[in-house]
C-alpha atoms as a PDB file:
ATOM      1  CA  MET A   1       0.000   0.000   0.000  1.00  0.00           C
ATOM      2  CA  ASP A   2       1.226   3.468  -0.875  1.00  0.00           C
ATOM      3  CA  VAL A   3       0.118   6.512   1.094  1.00  0.00           C
ATOM      4  CA  LEU A   4      -0.107   9.314  -1.451  1.00  0.00           C
ATOM      5  CA  GLY A   5      -0.776  12.166   0.974  1.00  0.00           C
ATOM      6  CA  ILE A   6      -3.676  14.119   2.347  1.00  0.00           C
ATOM      7  CA  GLU A   7      -6.633  15.626   0.515  1.00  0.00           C
ATOM      8  CA  PRO A   8      -7.060  18.939   2.353  1.00  0.00           C
ATOM      9  CA  ASN A   9     -10.578  19.555   1.044  1.00  0.00           C
ATOM     10  CA  THR A  10     -11.934  16.300   2.455  1.00  0.00           C
ATOM     11  CA  ARG A  11      -9.449  15.774   5.320  1.00  0.00           C
ATOM     12  CA  SER A  12      -8.829  12.296   3.915  1.00  0.00           C
ATOM     13  CA  TYR A  13      -5.653  10.391   3.228  1.00  0.00           C
ATOM     14  CA  ARG A  14      -5.210   9.087  -0.314  1.00  0.00           C
ATOM     15  CA  VAL A  15      -3.863   5.535  -0.546  1.00  0.00           C
ATOM     16  CA  ARG A  16      -3.187   3.151  -3.422  1.00  0.00           C
ATOM     17  CA  VAL A  17      -3.280  -0.644  -3.320  1.00  0.00           C
ATOM     18  CA  GLN A  18      -2.493  -3.093  -6.087  1.00  0.00           C
ATOM     19  CA  ARG A  19      -4.762  -5.833  -7.278  1.00  0.00           C
ATOM     20  CA  GLY A  20      -4.535  -8.194 -10.221  1.00  0.00           C
ATOM     21  CA  ASP A  21      -6.131  -5.893 -12.773  1.00  0.00           C
ATOM     22  CA  GLY A  22      -4.471  -2.661 -11.631  1.00  0.00           C
ATOM     23  CA  PRO A  23      -4.301  -0.161  -8.804  1.00  0.00           C
ATOM     24  CA  VAL A  24      -7.195   0.873  -6.572  1.00  0.00           C
ATOM     25  CA  VAL A  25      -7.023   4.350  -5.045  1.00  0.00           C
ATOM     26  CA  GLY A  26      -9.079   5.233  -2.016  1.00  0.00           C
ATOM     27  CA  LEU A  27      -9.638   7.898   0.581  1.00  0.00           C
ATOM     28  CA  ILE A  28      -9.417   7.270   4.310  1.00  0.00           C
ATOM     29  CA  PRO A  29     -11.114  10.003   6.353  1.00  0.00           C
ATOM     30  CA  GLU A  30      -8.889  11.130   9.186  1.00  0.00           C
ATOM     31  CA  THR A  31     -11.920  10.975  11.501  1.00  0.00           C
ATOM     32  CA  LEU A  32     -11.733   7.190  11.172  1.00  0.00           C
ATOM     33  CA  VAL A  33      -8.460   7.407  13.105  1.00  0.00           C
ATOM     34  CA  GLY A  34      -9.774   9.832  15.732  1.00  0.00           C
ATOM     35  CA  ALA A  35     -10.788  13.399  16.362  1.00  0.00           C
ATOM     36  CA  MET A  36      -8.049  15.700  15.042  1.00  0.00           C
ATOM     37  CA  PRO A  37      -5.284  13.069  14.882  1.00  0.00           C
ATOM     38  CA  ARG A  38      -1.691  14.124  14.343  1.00  0.00           C
ATOM     39  CA  HIS A  39      -0.223  13.408  10.924  1.00  0.00           C
ATOM     40  CA  HIS A  40       2.158  10.689  12.108  1.00  0.00           C
ATOM     41  CA  ASP A  41      -0.639   9.037  14.119  1.00  0.00           C
ATOM     42  CA  VAL A  42      -2.644   8.618  10.925  1.00  0.00           C
ATOM     43  CA  TYR A  43       0.332   7.032   9.142  1.00  0.00           C
ATOM     44  CA  ASP A  44       0.850   4.653  12.081  1.00  0.00           C
ATOM     45  CA  TRP A  45      -2.851   3.738  12.075  1.00  0.00           C
ATOM     46  CA  ILE A  46      -2.801   3.099   8.322  1.00  0.00           C
ATOM     47  CA  ALA A  47       0.249   0.846   8.712  1.00  0.00           C
ATOM     48  CA  ARG A  48      -1.406  -1.166  11.513  1.00  0.00           C
ATOM     49  CA  HIS A  49      -4.637  -1.605   9.511  1.00  0.00           C
ATOM     50  CA  ALA A  50      -3.134  -2.000   6.028  1.00  0.00           C
ATOM     51  CA  ASP A  51      -4.565  -5.487   5.404  1.00  0.00           C
ATOM     52  CA  ARG A  52      -8.097  -4.434   6.351  1.00  0.00           C
ATOM     53  CA  ILE A  53      -7.842  -1.197   4.369  1.00  0.00           C
ATOM     54  CA  GLU A  54      -6.653  -3.082   1.295  1.00  0.00           C
ATOM     55  CA  ALA A  55      -9.487  -5.611   1.601  1.00  0.00           C
ATOM     56  CA  ALA A  56     -12.039  -2.809   2.028  1.00  0.00           C
ATOM     57  CA  LEU A  57     -10.812  -0.933  -1.047  1.00  0.00           C
ATOM     58  CA  ILE A  58     -10.905  -4.088  -3.153  1.00  0.00           C
ATOM     59  CA  THR A  59     -14.429  -4.753  -1.863  1.00  0.00           C
ATOM     60  CA  LEU A  60     -15.451  -1.211  -2.853  1.00  0.00           C
ATOM     61  CA  ALA A  61     -13.877  -1.625  -6.289  1.00  0.00           C
ATOM     62  CA  ALA A  62     -15.988  -4.780  -6.730  1.00  0.00           C
ATOM     63  CA  GLY A  63     -19.122  -2.714  -6.093  1.00  0.00           C
ATOM     64  CA  GLN A  64     -19.765  -4.049  -2.603  1.00  0.00           C
ATOM     65  CA  THR A  65     -19.776  -2.425   0.828  1.00  0.00           C
ATOM     66  CA  PRO A  66     -17.034  -3.305   3.331  1.00  0.00           C
ATOM     67  CA  ARG A  67     -17.792  -3.950   6.985  1.00  0.00           C
ATOM     68  CA  PRO A  68     -17.750  -1.083   9.462  1.00  0.00           C
ATOM     69  CA  PRO A  69     -15.759   0.931  10.189  1.00  0.00           C
ATOM     70  CA  TYR A  70     -14.113   0.475   6.793  1.00  0.00           C
ATOM     71  CA  ASP A  71     -17.385   1.347   5.068  1.00  0.00           C
ATOM     72  CA  GLN A  72     -16.258   4.961   5.591  1.00  0.00           C
ATOM     73  CA  LEU A  73     -13.543   4.567   2.938  1.00  0.00           C
ATOM     74  CA  ARG A  74     -14.260   5.887  -0.533  1.00  0.00           C
ATOM     75  CA  LEU A  75     -12.799   5.172  -3.940  1.00  0.00           C
ATOM     76  CA  ALA A  76     -10.912   7.987  -5.651  1.00  0.00           C
ATOM     77  CA  LYS A  77      -9.511   8.549  -9.101  1.00  0.00           C
ATOM     78  CA  GLU A  78      -5.785   7.993  -9.390  1.00  0.00           C
ATOM     79  CA  SER A  79      -3.896  11.211  -9.856  1.00  0.00           C
END
């Protein structure tokens, strides 16, 4: 998983995961990590939950809804 940075307008972190047919890019709202988390805390949280985040993004890309709390993730266009 690659963390591509923060989207200031949505206060979400952009991440990219690879799957067999290409990359999937998603947005993780920082509120999923906590109220007003510090930047490095978000990166640590993403690292600890990488497997679940990847599975949730692949589920979203397949047109399904992941289980909470990962249902808060959203797909994004790759930039």
